[in-house]
Amino acid sequence: MELKEMIAPYWSPEHNGVVIPLLNKVLDLKNLSDQPRNWWENKELAEQAGKEWMTKEDSHILYWQRNEINEILAEHGGDLLEGWFGSSSAYFGSHWFVNFGSGSCGSTSKSNSSLARGLVAL
């Protein structure tokens, strides 16, 4: 088996999401919310759902594999990784984000809104 096959994302019916082998986690089929929320609201949504909220490091791996992940999500009616996603990685009054369209990443105020994605450890 080639390395590319070993690290390729794949659908898991058992978890109703996409397994990301590089993270040893499953990406939820849907965003935590259908609307962008601020950092505190996204944190609360993740906690209520019993999910991990992607970190800065998670978001880099997800961005790197976004095309493969989005193909799988589209096939199963999921929310695609498109646009701005905030992460749980925070410092002072800011948190890290990534734009899954352009690849831009950086930090922004915790009060700025973005989408969030939940992950579950395998």
N, C-alpha and C. Protein backbone atom coordinates (compact mmCIF):
# COMPACT_ATOMS: atom_id res chain seq x y z
N MET A 1 0.85 -1.19 0.00
CA MET A 1 0.00 0.00 0.00
C MET A 1 0.89 1.24 0.00
N GLU A 2 0.55 2.19 -0.86
CA GLU A 2 1.31 3.44 -0.96
C GLU A 2 0.98 4.37 0.21
N LEU A 3 1.92 5.24 0.52
CA LEU A 3 1.73 6.21 1.60
C LEU A 3 0.48 7.05 1.36
N LYS A 4 0.29 7.50 0.11
CA LYS A 4 -0.88 8.34 -0.21
C LYS A 4 -2.18 7.63 0.16
N GLU A 5 -2.26 6.33 -0.09
CA GLU A 5 -3.46 5.57 0.26
C GLU A 5 -3.61 5.45 1.78
N MET A 6 -2.50 5.36 2.49
CA MET A 6 -2.55 5.20 3.95
C MET A 6 -3.03 6.45 4.66
N ILE A 7 -2.80 7.62 4.03
CA ILE A 7 -3.19 8.87 4.69
C ILE A 7 -4.43 9.50 4.07
N ALA A 8 -5.00 8.86 3.06
CA ALA A 8 -6.16 9.41 2.36
C ALA A 8 -7.40 9.40 3.26
N PRO A 9 -8.17 10.49 3.28
CA PRO A 9 -9.44 10.51 4.02
C PRO A 9 -10.42 9.51 3.40
N TYR A 10 -11.34 8.98 4.22
CA TYR A 10 -12.35 8.05 3.71
C TYR A 10 -13.62 8.16 4.54
N TRP A 11 -14.73 7.76 3.95
CA TRP A 11 -16.04 7.83 4.59
C TRP A 11 -16.18 6.71 5.62
N SER A 12 -16.77 7.04 6.76
CA SER A 12 -17.07 6.05 7.80
C SER A 12 -18.56 6.09 8.10
N PRO A 13 -19.32 5.08 7.62
CA PRO A 13 -20.75 5.06 7.94
C PRO A 13 -21.00 4.92 9.45
N GLU A 14 -20.10 4.23 10.11
CA GLU A 14 -20.22 4.04 11.57
C GLU A 14 -20.19 5.37 12.32
N HIS A 15 -19.37 6.30 11.84
CA HIS A 15 -19.22 7.61 12.50
C HIS A 15 -19.98 8.72 11.79
N ASN A 16 -20.61 8.41 10.64
CA ASN A 16 -21.31 9.40 9.84
C ASN A 16 -20.44 10.63 9.58
N GLY A 17 -19.22 10.36 9.15
CA GLY A 17 -18.28 11.43 8.86
C GLY A 17 -17.08 10.92 8.09
N VAL A 18 -16.12 11.79 7.90
CA VAL A 18 -14.92 11.49 7.12
C VAL A 18 -13.76 11.23 8.08
N VAL A 19 -13.18 10.05 7.97
CA VAL A 19 -12.00 9.72 8.78
C VAL A 19 -10.80 10.43 8.17
N ILE A 20 -10.06 11.12 9.02
CA ILE A 20 -8.84 11.82 8.61
C ILE A 20 -7.67 11.08 9.28
N PRO A 21 -7.06 10.10 8.59
CA PRO A 21 -6.02 9.30 9.22
C PRO A 21 -4.85 10.11 9.78
N LEU A 22 -4.48 11.21 9.14
CA LEU A 22 -3.37 12.03 9.64
C LEU A 22 -3.67 12.63 11.01
N LEU A 23 -4.94 12.79 11.34
CA LEU A 23 -5.34 13.34 12.63
C LEU A 23 -5.82 12.27 13.60
N ASN A 24 -6.11 11.08 13.06
CA ASN A 24 -6.74 10.01 13.84
C ASN A 24 -8.06 10.50 14.44
N LYS A 25 -8.80 11.25 13.60
CA LYS A 25 -10.07 11.82 14.00
C LYS A 25 -11.08 11.70 12.86
N VAL A 26 -12.35 11.88 13.21
CA VAL A 26 -13.42 11.88 12.22
C VAL A 26 -13.98 13.29 12.13
N LEU A 27 -14.09 13.81 10.91
CA LEU A 27 -14.68 15.11 10.65
C LEU A 27 -16.18 14.94 10.50
N ASP A 28 -16.95 15.70 11.27
CA ASP A 28 -18.41 15.65 11.17
C ASP A 28 -18.88 15.95 9.75
N LEU A 29 -20.01 15.36 9.41
CA LEU A 29 -20.64 15.57 8.12
C LEU A 29 -21.07 17.02 7.94
N LYS A 30 -21.50 17.66 9.01
CA LYS A 30 -22.05 19.02 8.95
C LYS A 30 -21.24 19.97 9.84
N ASN A 31 -21.34 21.26 9.55
CA ASN A 31 -20.76 22.29 10.40
C ASN A 31 -21.46 22.25 11.76
N LEU A 32 -20.82 22.79 12.79
CA LEU A 32 -21.44 22.84 14.11
C LEU A 32 -22.70 23.70 14.09
N SER A 33 -22.76 24.66 13.19
CA SER A 33 -23.93 25.54 13.05
C SER A 33 -24.08 25.89 11.57
N ASP A 34 -25.30 26.21 11.18
CA ASP A 34 -25.49 26.63 9.79
C ASP A 34 -25.19 28.11 9.60
N GLN A 35 -24.89 28.81 10.68
CA GLN A 35 -24.55 30.23 10.63
C GLN A 35 -23.19 30.46 11.27
N PRO A 36 -22.42 31.43 10.76
CA PRO A 36 -21.17 31.78 11.44
C PRO A 36 -21.45 32.28 12.86
N ARG A 37 -20.60 31.90 13.78
CA ARG A 37 -20.73 32.27 15.19
C ARG A 37 -19.39 32.79 15.70
N ASN A 38 -19.44 33.51 16.83
CA ASN A 38 -18.17 33.97 17.40
C ASN A 38 -17.50 32.81 18.15
N TRP A 39 -16.28 33.04 18.62
CA TRP A 39 -15.47 32.00 19.24
C TRP A 39 -16.18 31.35 20.42
N TRP A 40 -16.79 32.14 21.30
CA TRP A 40 -17.44 31.59 22.50
C TRP A 40 -18.66 30.75 22.13
N GLU A 41 -19.42 31.20 21.13
CA GLU A 41 -20.59 30.43 20.69
C GLU A 41 -20.17 29.11 20.04
N ASN A 42 -19.13 29.15 19.22
CA ASN A 42 -18.64 27.91 18.61
C ASN A 42 -18.11 26.94 19.66
N LYS A 43 -17.44 27.46 20.67
CA LYS A 43 -16.92 26.63 21.77
C LYS A 43 -18.09 25.94 22.48
N GLU A 44 -19.14 26.70 22.75
CA GLU A 44 -20.32 26.15 23.42
C GLU A 44 -21.02 25.10 22.56
N LEU A 45 -21.15 25.37 21.26
CA LEU A 45 -21.77 24.40 20.35
C LEU A 45 -21.00 23.08 20.34
N ALA A 46 -19.68 23.16 20.29
CA ALA A 46 -18.85 21.94 20.30
C ALA A 46 -19.02 21.18 21.60
N GLU A 47 -19.02 21.89 22.71
CA GLU A 47 -19.19 21.24 24.01
C GLU A 47 -20.55 20.58 24.12
N GLN A 48 -21.60 21.27 23.69
CA GLN A 48 -22.95 20.70 23.74
C GLN A 48 -23.08 19.45 22.88
N ALA A 49 -22.36 19.44 21.75
CA ALA A 49 -22.41 18.28 20.85
C ALA A 49 -21.47 17.17 21.28
N GLY A 50 -20.64 17.42 22.30
CA GLY A 50 -19.67 16.43 22.75
C GLY A 50 -18.57 16.20 21.73
N LYS A 51 -18.22 17.25 21.00
CA LYS A 51 -17.21 17.17 19.94
C LYS A 51 -15.99 17.99 20.31
N GLU A 52 -14.87 17.65 19.67
CA GLU A 52 -13.71 18.52 19.69
C GLU A 52 -13.94 19.55 18.59
N TRP A 53 -13.49 20.76 18.81
CA TRP A 53 -13.56 21.79 17.78
C TRP A 53 -12.18 21.86 17.16
N MET A 54 -12.08 21.87 15.85
CA MET A 54 -10.77 21.77 15.22
C MET A 54 -9.81 22.84 15.73
N THR A 55 -8.56 22.43 15.89
CA THR A 55 -7.50 23.32 16.32
C THR A 55 -6.84 23.95 15.09
N LYS A 56 -5.93 24.85 15.34
CA LYS A 56 -5.14 25.45 14.26
C LYS A 56 -4.43 24.35 13.47
N GLU A 57 -3.81 23.41 14.18
CA GLU A 57 -3.08 22.32 13.52
C GLU A 57 -4.02 21.43 12.71
N ASP A 58 -5.19 21.11 13.28
CA ASP A 58 -6.18 20.31 12.55
C ASP A 58 -6.56 21.01 11.24
N SER A 59 -6.79 22.32 11.32
CA SER A 59 -7.26 23.05 10.14
C SER A 59 -6.24 23.02 9.01
N HIS A 60 -4.95 23.00 9.34
CA HIS A 60 -3.93 22.93 8.30
C HIS A 60 -3.97 21.59 7.57
N ILE A 61 -4.15 20.51 8.30
CA ILE A 61 -4.27 19.18 7.69
C ILE A 61 -5.54 19.11 6.84
N LEU A 62 -6.65 19.60 7.39
CA LEU A 62 -7.91 19.59 6.64
C LEU A 62 -7.80 20.42 5.37
N TYR A 63 -7.15 21.56 5.44
CA TYR A 63 -6.97 22.38 4.24
C TYR A 63 -6.14 21.63 3.21
N TRP A 64 -5.07 21.00 3.64
CA TRP A 64 -4.18 20.28 2.74
C TRP A 64 -4.93 19.16 2.00
N GLN A 65 -5.91 18.54 2.68
CA GLN A 65 -6.66 17.44 2.07
C GLN A 65 -8.09 17.83 1.68
N ARG A 66 -8.37 19.13 1.57
CA ARG A 66 -9.72 19.62 1.36
C ARG A 66 -10.40 19.08 0.11
N ASN A 67 -9.66 18.93 -0.97
CA ASN A 67 -10.28 18.44 -2.21
C ASN A 67 -10.83 17.04 -2.03
N GLU A 68 -10.03 16.15 -1.46
CA GLU A 68 -10.47 14.78 -1.22
C GLU A 68 -11.62 14.74 -0.22
N ILE A 69 -11.51 15.54 0.83
CA ILE A 69 -12.55 15.60 1.87
C ILE A 69 -13.85 16.12 1.28
N ASN A 70 -13.78 17.20 0.49
CA ASN A 70 -14.99 17.78 -0.09
C ASN A 70 -15.67 16.83 -1.07
N GLU A 71 -14.91 16.03 -1.80
CA GLU A 71 -15.51 15.02 -2.68
C GLU A 71 -16.35 14.04 -1.86
N ILE A 72 -15.80 13.60 -0.75
CA ILE A 72 -16.50 12.64 0.11
C ILE A 72 -17.73 13.30 0.74
N LEU A 73 -17.57 14.52 1.24
CA LEU A 73 -18.69 15.23 1.86
C LEU A 73 -19.82 15.45 0.86
N ALA A 74 -19.47 15.84 -0.37
CA ALA A 74 -20.49 16.07 -1.41
C ALA A 74 -21.25 14.78 -1.71
N GLU A 75 -20.55 13.69 -1.76
CA GLU A 75 -21.17 12.40 -2.05
C GLU A 75 -22.19 11.99 -0.98
N HIS A 76 -21.98 12.47 0.25
CA HIS A 76 -22.85 12.09 1.37
C HIS A 76 -23.73 13.23 1.88
N GLY A 77 -23.84 14.31 1.10
CA GLY A 77 -24.71 15.41 1.46
C GLY A 77 -24.21 16.26 2.61
N GLY A 78 -22.91 16.31 2.79
CA GLY A 78 -22.34 17.08 3.90
C GLY A 78 -22.05 18.52 3.54
N ASP A 79 -21.73 19.30 4.57
CA ASP A 79 -21.30 20.69 4.37
C ASP A 79 -19.84 20.69 3.95
N LEU A 80 -19.56 21.35 2.84
CA LEU A 80 -18.19 21.38 2.32
C LEU A 80 -17.30 22.30 3.14
N LEU A 81 -16.01 22.04 3.07
CA LEU A 81 -15.02 22.92 3.68
C LEU A 81 -14.78 24.06 2.70
N GLU A 82 -15.55 25.12 2.85
CA GLU A 82 -15.46 26.29 2.00
C GLU A 82 -15.62 27.53 2.87
N GLY A 83 -14.87 28.54 2.58
CA GLY A 83 -14.99 29.79 3.33
C GLY A 83 -14.16 29.80 4.59
N TRP A 84 -14.56 30.69 5.50
CA TRP A 84 -13.80 30.93 6.73
C TRP A 84 -14.21 29.98 7.84
N PHE A 85 -13.25 29.32 8.43
CA PHE A 85 -13.48 28.46 9.59
C PHE A 85 -12.58 28.90 10.72
N GLY A 86 -13.18 29.11 11.87
CA GLY A 86 -12.41 29.44 13.06
C GLY A 86 -11.92 28.16 13.71
N SER A 87 -10.94 28.30 14.57
CA SER A 87 -10.43 27.16 15.30
C SER A 87 -10.53 27.42 16.80
N SER A 88 -10.36 26.37 17.56
CA SER A 88 -10.40 26.49 19.01
C SER A 88 -9.10 27.07 19.55
N SER A 89 -8.06 27.12 18.74
CA SER A 89 -6.75 27.62 19.17
C SER A 89 -6.84 29.13 19.39
N ALA A 90 -6.67 29.52 20.64
CA ALA A 90 -6.84 30.93 20.99
C ALA A 90 -5.65 31.44 21.79
N TYR A 91 -5.47 32.72 21.75
CA TYR A 91 -4.50 33.39 22.59
C TYR A 91 -5.01 34.80 22.85
N PHE A 92 -4.94 35.22 24.08
CA PHE A 92 -5.46 36.52 24.50
C PHE A 92 -6.89 36.68 23.97
N GLY A 93 -7.18 37.76 23.24
CA GLY A 93 -8.54 37.99 22.73
C GLY A 93 -8.73 37.53 21.30
N SER A 94 -7.80 36.71 20.80
CA SER A 94 -7.84 36.29 19.40
C SER A 94 -7.93 34.78 19.27
N HIS A 95 -8.24 34.34 18.06
CA HIS A 95 -8.18 32.92 17.74
C HIS A 95 -7.74 32.76 16.30
N TRP A 96 -7.28 31.56 15.96
CA TRP A 96 -6.77 31.27 14.62
C TRP A 96 -7.89 30.87 13.69
N PHE A 97 -7.74 31.20 12.42
CA PHE A 97 -8.73 30.85 11.40
C PHE A 97 -8.01 30.41 10.13
N VAL A 98 -8.77 29.78 9.25
CA VAL A 98 -8.28 29.45 7.92
C VAL A 98 -9.41 29.66 6.92
N ASN A 99 -9.07 30.16 5.74
CA ASN A 99 -10.02 30.30 4.65
C ASN A 99 -9.79 29.11 3.72
N PHE A 100 -10.77 28.21 3.64
CA PHE A 100 -10.60 27.00 2.85
C PHE A 100 -10.71 27.25 1.35
N GLY A 101 -11.00 28.46 0.95
CA GLY A 101 -11.00 28.79 -0.47
C GLY A 101 -9.63 29.26 -0.92
N SER A 102 -9.05 30.20 -0.16
CA SER A 102 -7.79 30.81 -0.57
C SER A 102 -6.56 30.25 0.13
N GLY A 103 -6.77 29.58 1.27
CA GLY A 103 -5.64 29.10 2.05
C GLY A 103 -5.11 30.13 3.04
N SER A 104 -5.71 31.32 3.04
CA SER A 104 -5.29 32.35 4.00
C SER A 104 -5.51 31.85 5.41
N CYS A 105 -4.58 32.17 6.28
CA CYS A 105 -4.77 31.84 7.69
C CYS A 105 -4.12 32.94 8.52
N GLY A 106 -4.59 33.05 9.73
CA GLY A 106 -4.08 34.07 10.62
C GLY A 106 -4.90 34.11 11.88
N SER A 107 -4.88 35.24 12.53
CA SER A 107 -5.65 35.38 13.76
C SER A 107 -6.63 36.53 13.62
N THR A 108 -7.70 36.44 14.40
CA THR A 108 -8.72 37.46 14.39
C THR A 108 -9.34 37.52 15.78
N SER A 109 -10.08 38.55 16.05
CA SER A 109 -10.73 38.72 17.33
C SER A 109 -11.70 37.57 17.61
N LYS A 110 -11.81 37.17 18.87
CA LYS A 110 -12.77 36.13 19.25
C LYS A 110 -14.21 36.55 18.99
N SER A 111 -14.44 37.85 18.85
CA SER A 111 -15.81 38.32 18.60
C SER A 111 -16.20 38.25 17.13
N ASN A 112 -15.22 38.05 16.23
CA ASN A 112 -15.55 37.90 14.81
C ASN A 112 -16.15 36.53 14.56
N SER A 113 -17.10 36.49 13.64
CA SER A 113 -17.83 35.25 13.37
C SER A 113 -17.17 34.42 12.27
N SER A 114 -17.26 33.11 12.44
CA SER A 114 -16.80 32.16 11.43
C SER A 114 -17.55 30.85 11.65
N LEU A 115 -17.46 29.98 10.68
CA LEU A 115 -18.02 28.65 10.83
C LEU A 115 -17.07 27.80 11.66
N ALA A 116 -17.56 26.70 12.17
CA ALA A 116 -16.73 25.79 12.96
C ALA A 116 -17.09 24.36 12.60
N ARG A 117 -16.11 23.49 12.73
CA ARG A 117 -16.30 22.08 12.40
C ARG A 117 -15.89 21.24 13.59
N GLY A 118 -16.71 20.24 13.87
CA GLY A 118 -16.44 19.32 14.97
C GLY A 118 -15.68 18.10 14.51
N LEU A 119 -14.86 17.57 15.39
CA LEU A 119 -14.09 16.37 15.15
C LEU A 119 -14.31 15.42 16.32
N VAL A 120 -14.14 14.15 16.06
CA VAL A 120 -14.24 13.13 17.11
C VAL A 120 -12.99 12.27 17.01
N ALA A 121 -12.32 12.05 18.13
CA ALA A 121 -11.13 11.19 18.14
C ALA A 121 -11.55 9.74 17.88
N LEU A 122 -10.73 9.01 17.14
CA LEU A 122 -10.99 7.58 16.90
C LEU A 122 -10.56 6.77 18.11
